[in-house]
Amino acid sequence: MSSSLAYEKLREAILRLDLAPGNALTERGLETFLDTSRTTVRGALAKLENEGLVQRDGRGYIVAPIDFAEISQALEFRATLEIAAAKLSCERATENQIKNLLKTLEKPSKNLEIFMRSATDFHLELARLSGNGFYVRALEDVLTRLARTRWYEANAQGGQQKAVTDHKRILETIQNRDSTAAEAAIKAHLERSRERLLNTLMNTSGLQIRGTKNGNSRA
């Protein structure tokens, strides 16, 4: 098994909660779980650590606990990036670019993995409309850090359809060259996502969550 395939398999297990936050991970155990070599396991763990999905724990690793305070900071930074990029997009995006991006929203996939990839691509393409690559690279980084919690949120009841509706609304405000409406649409989208995420986390048993909205922690 290649390192990239091992990474994908392990990442999916973490996102689907087959490996829950706080679970201990050992290289030897993952060799058996992935049916691959120690070197391949180490490569996969390095990539997952960079994404914030696993973290070192002594001589081994654990699946990273969910830190709601960190998530809130990431969402705050994401909003700043997307609002700034959207305002520039209102000035710089061409009609063809906007229409082509709208077409990608016509038939959202029911497969969660495919949907999440397309949703990530949408937000990155939206940032590219600004013509500023720094926004795109920064947004790509923060979306990677939020990958697990975005998965939980999209898996909530109605989460996918609500996200698509919000995406269309954001893009329409850019098509109308209305930067004020674009800012409001992005803020509303991220706040709804945050609330769905919090509800999902609070109703999923066995999760380790730090710094929840009401200031409490749970494990």
C-alpha atoms as a PDB file:
ATOM      1  CA  MET A   1       0.000   0.000   0.000  1.00  0.00           C
ATOM      2  CA  SER A   2       1.341   3.435  -0.935  1.00  0.00           C
ATOM      3  CA  SER A   3       1.746   6.195   1.645  1.00  0.00           C
ATOM      4  CA  SER A   4      -0.959   8.264  -0.065  1.00  0.00           C
ATOM      5  CA  LEU A   5      -3.433   5.358   0.013  1.00  0.00           C
ATOM      6  CA  ALA A   6      -2.635   4.649   3.671  1.00  0.00           C
ATOM      7  CA  TYR A   7      -3.172   8.339   4.432  1.00  0.00           C
ATOM      8  CA  GLU A   8      -6.557   8.354   2.677  1.00  0.00           C
ATOM      9  CA  LYS A   9      -7.728   5.217   4.489  1.00  0.00           C
ATOM     10  CA  LEU A  10      -6.619   6.472   7.899  1.00  0.00           C
ATOM     11  CA  ARG A  11      -8.043   9.940   7.263  1.00  0.00           C
ATOM     12  CA  GLU A  12     -11.423   8.477   6.311  1.00  0.00           C
ATOM     13  CA  ALA A  13     -11.453   6.335   9.471  1.00  0.00           C
ATOM     14  CA  ILE A  14     -10.870   9.468  11.561  1.00  0.00           C
ATOM     15  CA  LEU A  15     -13.469  11.543   9.733  1.00  0.00           C
ATOM     16  CA  ARG A  16     -16.081   8.806  10.015  1.00  0.00           C
ATOM     17  CA  LEU A  17     -15.309   8.375  13.745  1.00  0.00           C
ATOM     18  CA  ASP A  18     -14.155   4.782  13.284  1.00  0.00           C
ATOM     19  CA  LEU A  19     -11.132   6.212  15.107  1.00  0.00           C
ATOM     20  CA  ALA A  20     -12.633   8.676  17.582  1.00  0.00           C
ATOM     21  CA  PRO A  21     -10.973  11.780  19.057  1.00  0.00           C
ATOM     22  CA  GLY A  22      -8.597  10.764  21.833  1.00  0.00           C
ATOM     23  CA  ASN A  23      -8.039   7.222  20.543  1.00  0.00           C
ATOM     24  CA  ALA A  24      -4.437   6.045  20.944  1.00  0.00           C
ATOM     25  CA  LEU A  25      -2.572   5.181  17.741  1.00  0.00           C
ATOM     26  CA  THR A  26       0.585   3.104  17.543  1.00  0.00           C
ATOM     27  CA  GLU A  27       2.706   2.502  14.494  1.00  0.00           C
ATOM     28  CA  ARG A  28       2.567  -1.265  15.114  1.00  0.00           C
ATOM     29  CA  GLY A  29      -1.225  -1.223  15.463  1.00  0.00           C
ATOM     30  CA  LEU A  30      -1.608   0.856  12.306  1.00  0.00           C
ATOM     31  CA  GLU A  31       0.646  -1.543  10.401  1.00  0.00           C
ATOM     32  CA  THR A  32      -1.966  -4.217  11.080  1.00  0.00           C
ATOM     33  CA  PHE A  33      -4.965  -1.918  10.571  1.00  0.00           C
ATOM     34  CA  LEU A  34      -3.672  -0.693   7.195  1.00  0.00           C
ATOM     35  CA  ASP A  35      -1.855  -3.909   6.252  1.00  0.00           C
ATOM     36  CA  THR A  36       1.255  -1.982   5.265  1.00  0.00           C
ATOM     37  CA  SER A  37       4.801  -1.179   6.359  1.00  0.00           C
ATOM     38  CA  ARG A  38       6.019   0.938   9.284  1.00  0.00           C
ATOM     39  CA  THR A  39       7.564   3.455   6.838  1.00  0.00           C
ATOM     40  CA  THR A  40       4.239   3.900   5.042  1.00  0.00           C
ATOM     41  CA  VAL A  41       2.422   4.372   8.366  1.00  0.00           C
ATOM     42  CA  ARG A  42       4.890   7.075   9.398  1.00  0.00           C
ATOM     43  CA  GLY A  43       4.361   8.938   6.147  1.00  0.00           C
ATOM     44  CA  ALA A  44       0.582   8.863   6.593  1.00  0.00           C
ATOM     45  CA  LEU A  45       0.831  10.020  10.210  1.00  0.00           C
ATOM     46  CA  ALA A  46       3.074  12.923   9.239  1.00  0.00           C
ATOM     47  CA  LYS A  47       0.472  14.201   6.761  1.00  0.00           C
ATOM     48  CA  LEU A  48      -2.367  13.770   9.255  1.00  0.00           C
ATOM     49  CA  GLU A  49      -0.393  15.565  11.948  1.00  0.00           C
ATOM     50  CA  ASN A  50       0.100  18.485   9.559  1.00  0.00           C
ATOM     51  CA  GLU A  51      -3.673  18.608   9.074  1.00  0.00           C
ATOM     52  CA  GLY A  52      -4.314  18.575  12.816  1.00  0.00           C
ATOM     53  CA  LEU A  53      -6.114  15.221  12.716  1.00  0.00           C
ATOM     54  CA  VAL A  54      -3.555  13.399  14.863  1.00  0.00           C
ATOM     55  CA  GLN A  55      -1.049  14.615  17.433  1.00  0.00           C
ATOM     56  CA  ARG A  56       1.927  13.186  19.246  1.00  0.00           C
ATOM     57  CA  ASP A  57       1.342  11.670  22.661  1.00  0.00           C
ATOM     58  CA  GLY A  58       4.570  10.554  24.297  1.00  0.00           C
ATOM     59  CA  ARG A  59       6.192   8.038  21.968  1.00  0.00           C
ATOM     60  CA  GLY A  60       2.984   7.440  20.048  1.00  0.00           C
ATOM     61  CA  TYR A  61       0.060   9.362  18.590  1.00  0.00           C
ATOM     62  CA  ILE A  62      -3.581   9.987  19.395  1.00  0.00           C
ATOM     63  CA  VAL A  63      -6.477  11.093  17.233  1.00  0.00           C
ATOM     64  CA  ALA A  64      -6.578  14.812  17.993  1.00  0.00           C
ATOM     65  CA  PRO A  65      -9.330  15.817  20.461  1.00  0.00           C
ATOM     66  CA  ILE A  66     -11.796  18.407  19.218  1.00  0.00           C
ATOM     67  CA  ASP A  67     -11.006  21.859  20.577  1.00  0.00           C
ATOM     68  CA  PHE A  68     -14.039  24.098  20.091  1.00  0.00           C
ATOM     69  CA  ALA A  69     -12.097  27.232  21.023  1.00  0.00           C
ATOM     70  CA  GLU A  70      -9.598  26.448  18.263  1.00  0.00           C
ATOM     71  CA  ILE A  71     -12.426  25.745  15.824  1.00  0.00           C
ATOM     72  CA  SER A  72     -14.015  29.110  16.642  1.00  0.00           C
ATOM     73  CA  GLN A  73     -10.725  30.888  15.972  1.00  0.00           C
ATOM     74  CA  ALA A  74     -10.307  29.051  12.673  1.00  0.00           C
ATOM     75  CA  LEU A  75     -13.854  29.952  11.636  1.00  0.00           C
ATOM     76  CA  GLU A  76     -13.214  33.579  12.564  1.00  0.00           C
ATOM     77  CA  PHE A  77     -10.072  33.623  10.413  1.00  0.00           C
ATOM     78  CA  ARG A  78     -11.899  31.846   7.598  1.00  0.00           C
ATOM     79  CA  ALA A  79     -14.652  34.469   7.629  1.00  0.00           C
ATOM     80  CA  THR A  80     -12.083  37.278   7.425  1.00  0.00           C
ATOM     81  CA  LEU A  81     -10.440  35.612   4.413  1.00  0.00           C
ATOM     82  CA  GLU A  82     -13.640  34.804   2.559  1.00  0.00           C
ATOM     83  CA  ILE A  83     -15.215  38.221   3.118  1.00  0.00           C
ATOM     84  CA  ALA A  84     -12.091  40.021   1.876  1.00  0.00           C
ATOM     85  CA  ALA A  85     -11.819  37.723  -1.155  1.00  0.00           C
ATOM     86  CA  ALA A  86     -15.534  38.103  -1.949  1.00  0.00           C
ATOM     87  CA  LYS A  87     -15.306  41.895  -1.921  1.00  0.00           C
ATOM     88  CA  LEU A  88     -12.483  41.774  -4.439  1.00  0.00           C
ATOM     89  CA  SER A  89     -14.424  39.202  -6.470  1.00  0.00           C
ATOM     90  CA  CYS A  90     -17.331  41.631  -6.746  1.00  0.00           C
ATOM     91  CA  GLU A  91     -14.926  43.944  -8.587  1.00  0.00           C
ATOM     92  CA  ARG A  92     -12.798  41.468 -10.532  1.00  0.00           C
ATOM     93  CA  ALA A  93     -14.744  38.290 -11.348  1.00  0.00           C
ATOM     94  CA  THR A  94     -15.920  37.926 -14.939  1.00  0.00           C
ATOM     95  CA  GLU A  95     -19.437  36.821 -15.827  1.00  0.00           C
ATOM     96  CA  ASN A  96     -18.092  33.617 -17.367  1.00  0.00           C
ATOM     97  CA  GLN A  97     -16.192  32.741 -14.195  1.00  0.00           C
ATOM     98  CA  ILE A  98     -19.307  33.274 -12.095  1.00  0.00           C
ATOM     99  CA  LYS A  99     -21.556  31.280 -14.451  1.00  0.00           C
ATOM    100  CA  ASN A 100     -19.106  28.392 -14.586  1.00  0.00           C
ATOM    101  CA  LEU A 101     -18.959  28.253 -10.801  1.00  0.00           C
ATOM    102  CA  LEU A 102     -22.755  28.362 -10.562  1.00  0.00           C
ATOM    103  CA  LYS A 103     -22.941  25.306 -12.829  1.00  0.00           C
ATOM    104  CA  THR A 104     -20.967  23.266 -10.308  1.00  0.00           C
ATOM    105  CA  LEU A 105     -23.822  23.746  -7.810  1.00  0.00           C
ATOM    106  CA  GLU A 106     -26.569  22.366 -10.064  1.00  0.00           C
ATOM    107  CA  LYS A 107     -26.230  18.674  -9.127  1.00  0.00           C
ATOM    108  CA  PRO A 108     -24.714  18.224  -5.663  1.00  0.00           C
ATOM    109  CA  SER A 109     -23.574  14.664  -4.982  1.00  0.00           C
ATOM    110  CA  LYS A 110     -25.335  12.596  -2.341  1.00  0.00           C
ATOM    111  CA  ASN A 111     -22.027  10.906  -1.558  1.00  0.00           C
ATOM    112  CA  LEU A 112     -20.580  12.717   1.455  1.00  0.00           C
ATOM    113  CA  GLU A 113     -16.929  12.311   0.436  1.00  0.00           C
ATOM    114  CA  ILE A 114     -17.582  13.670  -3.068  1.00  0.00           C
ATOM    115  CA  PHE A 115     -19.764  16.452  -1.688  1.00  0.00           C
ATOM    116  CA  MET A 116     -17.070  17.559   0.751  1.00  0.00           C
ATOM    117  CA  ARG A 117     -14.467  17.694  -1.999  1.00  0.00           C
ATOM    118  CA  SER A 118     -16.778  19.723  -4.233  1.00  0.00           C
ATOM    119  CA  ALA A 119     -17.682  22.073  -1.352  1.00  0.00           C
ATOM    120  CA  THR A 120     -14.000  22.676  -0.628  1.00  0.00           C
ATOM    121  CA  ASP A 121     -13.338  23.239  -4.332  1.00  0.00           C
ATOM    122  CA  PHE A 122     -16.230  25.710  -4.441  1.00  0.00           C
ATOM    123  CA  HIS A 123     -14.845  27.854  -1.642  1.00  0.00           C
ATOM    124  CA  LEU A 124     -11.352  27.809  -3.144  1.00  0.00           C
ATOM    125  CA  GLU A 125     -12.681  28.726  -6.595  1.00  0.00           C
ATOM    126  CA  LEU A 126     -14.726  31.485  -4.974  1.00  0.00           C
ATOM    127  CA  ALA A 127     -11.518  32.855  -3.469  1.00  0.00           C
ATOM    128  CA  ARG A 128      -9.770  32.590  -6.852  1.00  0.00           C
ATOM    129  CA  LEU A 129     -12.338  34.981  -8.290  1.00  0.00           C
ATOM    130  CA  SER A 130     -10.570  37.653  -6.237  1.00  0.00           C
ATOM    131  CA  GLY A 131      -7.471  37.283  -8.392  1.00  0.00           C
ATOM    132  CA  ASN A 132      -5.327  37.130  -5.237  1.00  0.00           C
ATOM    133  CA  GLY A 133      -3.497  33.847  -4.732  1.00  0.00           C
ATOM    134  CA  PHE A 134      -2.609  34.634  -1.125  1.00  0.00           C
ATOM    135  CA  TYR A 135      -6.277  34.405  -0.138  1.00  0.00           C
ATOM    136  CA  VAL A 136      -6.564  31.057  -1.918  1.00  0.00           C
ATOM    137  CA  ARG A 137      -3.528  29.529  -0.205  1.00  0.00           C
ATOM    138  CA  ALA A 138      -4.511  30.810   3.233  1.00  0.00           C
ATOM    139  CA  LEU A 139      -8.077  29.549   2.798  1.00  0.00           C
ATOM    140  CA  GLU A 140      -6.819  26.157   1.620  1.00  0.00           C
ATOM    141  CA  ASP A 141      -4.802  25.861   4.818  1.00  0.00           C
ATOM    142  CA  VAL A 142      -7.648  26.789   7.164  1.00  0.00           C
ATOM    143  CA  LEU A 143     -10.114  24.485   5.340  1.00  0.00           C
ATOM    144  CA  THR A 144      -7.632  21.646   5.758  1.00  0.00           C
ATOM    145  CA  ARG A 145      -7.452  22.351   9.485  1.00  0.00           C
ATOM    146  CA  LEU A 146     -11.256  22.359   9.639  1.00  0.00           C
ATOM    147  CA  ALA A 147     -11.674  19.204   7.530  1.00  0.00           C
ATOM    148  CA  ARG A 148     -12.928  16.939  10.315  1.00  0.00           C
ATOM    149  CA  THR A 149     -15.432  19.372  11.783  1.00  0.00           C
ATOM    150  CA  ARG A 150     -16.677  20.382   8.312  1.00  0.00           C
ATOM    151  CA  TRP A 151     -17.339  16.687   7.695  1.00  0.00           C
ATOM    152  CA  TYR A 152     -19.389  16.417  10.897  1.00  0.00           C
ATOM    153  CA  GLU A 153     -21.353  19.531  10.025  1.00  0.00           C
ATOM    154  CA  ALA A 154     -22.133  18.407   6.461  1.00  0.00           C
ATOM    155  CA  ASN A 155     -23.278  15.029   7.781  1.00  0.00           C
ATOM    156  CA  ALA A 156     -25.894  16.702   9.998  1.00  0.00           C
ATOM    157  CA  GLN A 157     -29.495  16.404   8.860  1.00  0.00           C
ATOM    158  CA  GLY A 158     -30.061  18.780   5.945  1.00  0.00           C
ATOM    159  CA  GLY A 159     -26.510  20.074   6.166  1.00  0.00           C
ATOM    160  CA  GLN A 160     -25.583  19.415   2.554  1.00  0.00           C
ATOM    161  CA  GLN A 161     -28.662  21.025   1.005  1.00  0.00           C
ATOM    162  CA  LYS A 162     -28.414  24.042   3.295  1.00  0.00           C
ATOM    163  CA  ALA A 163     -24.774  24.468   2.321  1.00  0.00           C
ATOM    164  CA  VAL A 164     -25.619  24.399  -1.391  1.00  0.00           C
ATOM    165  CA  THR A 165     -28.384  26.980  -0.876  1.00  0.00           C
ATOM    166  CA  ASP A 166     -25.931  29.220   0.958  1.00  0.00           C
ATOM    167  CA  HIS A 167     -23.283  28.766  -1.737  1.00  0.00           C
ATOM    168  CA  LYS A 168     -25.738  29.866  -4.431  1.00  0.00           C
ATOM    169  CA  ARG A 169     -26.717  32.902  -2.381  1.00  0.00           C
ATOM    170  CA  ILE A 170     -23.089  33.956  -1.883  1.00  0.00           C
ATOM    171  CA  LEU A 171     -22.318  33.595  -5.569  1.00  0.00           C
ATOM    172  CA  GLU A 172     -25.425  35.536  -6.571  1.00  0.00           C
ATOM    173  CA  THR A 173     -24.350  38.487  -4.420  1.00  0.00           C
ATOM    174  CA  ILE A 174     -21.010  38.504  -6.240  1.00  0.00           C
ATOM    175  CA  GLN A 175     -22.784  38.294  -9.577  1.00  0.00           C
ATOM    176  CA  ASN A 176     -24.796  41.357  -8.511  1.00  0.00           C
ATOM    177  CA  ARG A 177     -21.531  43.109  -7.538  1.00  0.00           C
ATOM    178  CA  ASP A 178     -22.952  43.732  -4.070  1.00  0.00           C
ATOM    179  CA  SER A 179     -20.041  43.494  -1.617  1.00  0.00           C
ATOM    180  CA  THR A 180     -22.222  44.371   1.393  1.00  0.00           C
ATOM    181  CA  ALA A 181     -24.648  41.540   0.614  1.00  0.00           C
ATOM    182  CA  ALA A 182     -21.731  39.175  -0.056  1.00  0.00           C
ATOM    183  CA  GLU A 183     -20.311  39.876   3.393  1.00  0.00           C
ATOM    184  CA  ALA A 184     -23.696  39.292   5.027  1.00  0.00           C
ATOM    185  CA  ALA A 185     -24.235  36.053   3.078  1.00  0.00           C
ATOM    186  CA  ILE A 186     -20.836  34.660   4.060  1.00  0.00           C
ATOM    187  CA  LYS A 187     -21.316  35.568   7.717  1.00  0.00           C
ATOM    188  CA  ALA A 188     -24.745  33.927   7.751  1.00  0.00           C
ATOM    189  CA  HIS A 189     -23.409  30.800   6.025  1.00  0.00           C
ATOM    190  CA  LEU A 190     -20.572  30.341   8.500  1.00  0.00           C
ATOM    191  CA  GLU A 191     -22.777  31.024  11.516  1.00  0.00           C
ATOM    192  CA  ARG A 192     -25.320  28.427  10.372  1.00  0.00           C
ATOM    193  CA  SER A 193     -22.479  25.966   9.774  1.00  0.00           C
ATOM    194  CA  ARG A 194     -21.129  26.668  13.254  1.00  0.00           C
ATOM    195  CA  GLU A 195     -24.504  26.050  14.884  1.00  0.00           C
ATOM    196  CA  ARG A 196     -25.048  22.786  12.962  1.00  0.00           C
ATOM    197  CA  LEU A 197     -21.570  21.696  13.926  1.00  0.00           C
ATOM    198  CA  LEU A 198     -22.093  22.463  17.610  1.00  0.00           C
ATOM    199  CA  ASN A 199     -25.415  20.610  17.651  1.00  0.00           C
ATOM    200  CA  THR A 200     -23.801  17.604  15.961  1.00  0.00           C
ATOM    201  CA  LEU A 201     -20.871  17.530  18.367  1.00  0.00           C
ATOM    202  CA  MET A 202     -23.069  17.869  21.436  1.00  0.00           C
ATOM    203  CA  ASN A 203     -25.285  14.993  20.268  1.00  0.00           C
ATOM    204  CA  THR A 204     -22.521  12.572  19.310  1.00  0.00           C
ATOM    205  CA  SER A 205     -21.564  10.332  22.214  1.00  0.00           C
ATOM    206  CA  GLY A 206     -17.983   9.431  23.004  1.00  0.00           C
ATOM    207  CA  LEU A 207     -16.332  12.547  21.584  1.00  0.00           C
ATOM    208  CA  GLN A 208     -13.611  14.439  23.400  1.00  0.00           C
ATOM    209  CA  ILE A 209     -14.487  18.123  23.133  1.00  0.00           C
ATOM    210  CA  ARG A 210     -12.674  21.019  24.736  1.00  0.00           C
ATOM    211  CA  GLY A 211     -13.832  24.623  25.158  1.00  0.00           C
ATOM    212  CA  THR A 212     -17.477  24.229  24.143  1.00  0.00           C
ATOM    213  CA  LYS A 213     -19.757  27.173  23.564  1.00  0.00           C
ATOM    214  CA  ASN A 214     -21.019  27.310  27.144  1.00  0.00           C
ATOM    215  CA  GLY A 215     -17.488  27.141  28.514  1.00  0.00           C
ATOM    216  CA  ASN A 216     -17.700  23.515  29.619  1.00  0.00           C
ATOM    217  CA  SER A 217     -15.548  20.626  28.477  1.00  0.00           C
ATOM    218  CA  ARG A 218     -16.626  17.060  27.875  1.00  0.00           C
ATOM    219  CA  ALA A 219     -14.878  13.797  27.094  1.00  0.00           C
END
